[in-house]
């Protein structure tokens, strides 16, 4: 899977999709293990995806915060959200697919409804597109 970033793409972040207090159930963070310390810390999440869900709808929020690099001299900071409803397919991956699109990234393969492994592959593809050489993907569930 490959990802490409379009700096001119219109991004969309809907704050109502963040349901921290009651519907948060999972997050994925991607660290750059080869990066130098950022703001005095030893590691930080370059990519963070949070997943939220109710009984009939799922939401995803995605943040990308890349410090200045050769590929992106000014760094890259973008965010987006997505949602998916209905039944009979993997809603979290469909919500994340929309969030990825709403951050300005395009994937070579559709991940919507395809499960957790496709979500991991998508975040690693974004890391590769950003030039991250030593990514570490961390998943947390509540």
Protein backbone atom coordinates (compact mmCIF):
# COMPACT_ATOMS: atom_id res chain seq x y z
CA UNK A 1 0.00 0.00 0.00
CA UNK A 2 1.23 3.51 -0.85
CA UNK A 3 0.11 6.88 0.45
CA UNK A 4 0.51 10.30 -1.14
CA UNK A 5 -0.02 13.70 0.43
CA UNK A 6 -1.58 16.65 -1.35
CA UNK A 7 -0.76 19.94 0.41
CA UNK A 8 -3.52 21.68 -1.56
CA UNK A 9 -6.24 19.19 -0.54
CA UNK A 10 -9.08 20.61 1.52
CA UNK A 11 -8.99 19.15 5.02
CA UNK A 12 -11.98 18.60 7.28
CA UNK A 13 -11.97 18.26 11.06
CA UNK A 14 -15.38 17.99 12.69
CA UNK A 15 -15.01 18.49 16.44
CA UNK A 16 -18.27 16.67 17.19
CA UNK A 17 -16.60 13.47 15.96
CA UNK A 18 -14.35 13.55 19.05
CA UNK A 19 -16.24 11.80 21.80
CA UNK A 20 -13.52 11.57 24.45
CA UNK A 21 -15.77 11.28 27.47
CA UNK A 22 -17.98 8.37 26.57
CA UNK A 23 -17.30 6.71 23.22
CA UNK A 24 -13.50 6.47 22.91
CA UNK A 25 -12.35 2.87 22.50
CA UNK A 26 -9.00 2.71 20.72
CA UNK A 27 -6.02 4.66 19.46
CA UNK A 28 -3.02 4.06 17.25
CA UNK A 29 0.11 6.16 17.51
CA UNK A 30 3.06 6.04 15.18
CA UNK A 31 6.44 7.13 16.53
CA UNK A 32 9.57 7.95 14.53
CA UNK A 33 12.33 6.08 16.34
CA UNK A 34 15.02 7.67 14.17
CA UNK A 35 13.95 11.24 14.95
CA UNK A 36 15.95 13.58 17.14
CA UNK A 37 14.25 14.75 20.35
CA UNK A 38 11.31 17.05 19.69
CA UNK A 39 10.55 19.90 22.10
CA UNK A 40 12.81 18.35 24.72
CA UNK A 41 11.15 14.92 24.70
CA UNK A 42 12.69 11.69 23.52
CA UNK A 43 9.75 10.57 21.38
CA UNK A 44 6.46 11.92 20.15
CA UNK A 45 3.61 10.65 18.03
CA UNK A 46 4.03 11.76 14.43
CA UNK A 47 0.67 10.20 13.54
CA UNK A 48 -2.18 9.64 15.97
CA UNK A 49 -5.52 8.05 15.16
CA UNK A 50 -8.30 7.86 17.75
CA UNK A 51 -11.39 5.73 17.28
CA UNK A 52 -14.77 6.33 18.86
CA UNK A 53 -17.99 4.39 18.56
CA UNK A 54 -21.60 4.08 19.51
CA UNK A 55 -23.84 1.10 18.86
CA UNK A 56 -24.59 2.24 15.32
CA UNK A 57 -21.83 4.65 14.28
CA UNK A 58 -18.06 4.92 14.42
CA UNK A 59 -15.86 8.02 14.27
CA UNK A 60 -12.15 8.53 13.68
CA UNK A 61 -9.88 11.51 14.26
CA UNK A 62 -6.40 11.65 12.72
CA UNK A 63 -3.55 14.06 13.49
CA UNK A 64 -0.21 14.28 11.69
CA UNK A 65 2.56 16.36 13.30
CA UNK A 66 5.86 15.95 11.51
CA UNK A 67 8.76 18.15 12.61
CA UNK A 68 10.85 19.89 9.96
CA UNK A 69 12.71 17.46 7.72
CA UNK A 70 14.47 17.45 4.36
CA UNK A 71 11.23 16.46 2.64
CA UNK A 72 9.11 18.96 4.62
CA UNK A 73 11.37 21.89 5.67
CA UNK A 74 8.50 23.60 7.52
CA UNK A 75 7.18 20.38 9.00
CA UNK A 76 3.74 19.00 8.26
CA UNK A 77 0.74 19.53 10.51
CA UNK A 78 -2.67 18.38 9.37
CA UNK A 79 -5.76 16.72 10.82
CA UNK A 80 -9.06 15.24 9.74
CA UNK A 81 -12.05 13.26 10.94
CA UNK A 82 -14.37 10.66 9.48
CA UNK A 83 -17.45 8.66 10.36
CA UNK A 84 -19.20 5.48 9.27
CA UNK A 85 -22.61 4.10 10.11
CA UNK A 86 -24.70 1.11 9.30
CA UNK A 87 -24.11 -2.59 9.76
CA UNK A 88 -22.42 -5.53 8.07
CA UNK A 89 -18.89 -4.21 7.64
CA UNK A 90 -15.93 -2.97 9.72
CA UNK A 91 -17.02 0.59 10.57
CA UNK A 92 -13.81 1.71 12.36
CA UNK A 93 -11.71 1.15 9.22
CA UNK A 94 -14.32 2.96 7.10
CA UNK A 95 -14.26 5.92 9.52
CA UNK A 96 -10.45 5.98 9.45
CA UNK A 97 -10.44 5.85 5.65
CA UNK A 98 -12.56 9.01 5.59
CA UNK A 99 -10.35 10.68 8.21
CA UNK A 100 -7.23 9.88 6.16
CA UNK A 101 -8.82 11.43 3.09
CA UNK A 102 -9.85 14.46 5.14
CA UNK A 103 -6.23 15.04 6.21
CA UNK A 104 -5.09 15.34 2.58
CA UNK A 105 -3.71 11.82 2.07
CA UNK A 106 -4.69 9.39 -0.67
CA UNK A 107 -4.14 5.65 -0.33
CA UNK A 108 -3.43 3.28 -3.22
CA UNK A 109 -5.88 0.76 -1.72
CA UNK A 110 -9.28 1.22 -0.11
CA UNK A 111 -9.24 0.34 3.59
CA UNK A 112 -12.90 1.13 4.30
CA UNK A 113 -14.59 -1.88 5.85
CA UNK A 114 -11.45 -4.02 5.57
CA UNK A 115 -10.49 -4.42 9.23
CA UNK A 116 -7.75 -3.58 11.66
CA UNK A 117 -4.80 -4.89 9.64
CA UNK A 118 -5.71 -2.52 6.79
CA UNK A 119 -5.79 0.35 9.30
CA UNK A 120 -2.26 -0.52 10.46
CA UNK A 121 -1.05 -0.82 6.86
CA UNK A 122 -2.53 2.60 6.04
CA UNK A 123 -0.76 4.34 8.92
CA UNK A 124 2.53 2.68 7.97
CA UNK A 125 2.01 3.79 4.34
CA UNK A 126 1.49 7.36 5.54
CA UNK A 127 4.68 7.09 7.59
CA UNK A 128 6.55 5.92 4.51
CA UNK A 129 5.14 8.83 2.48
CA UNK A 130 6.39 11.21 5.19
CA UNK A 131 9.89 9.73 4.98
CA UNK A 132 9.84 8.05 8.39
CA UNK A 133 12.56 5.38 8.31
CA UNK A 134 12.00 3.65 11.67
CA UNK A 135 8.28 3.72 12.49
CA UNK A 136 6.89 2.14 15.63
CA UNK A 137 3.14 1.60 15.72
CA UNK A 138 1.58 1.50 19.18
CA UNK A 139 -2.03 0.51 19.76
CA UNK A 140 -4.00 1.19 22.92
CA UNK A 141 -7.49 0.03 23.77
CA UNK A 142 -9.71 1.31 26.52
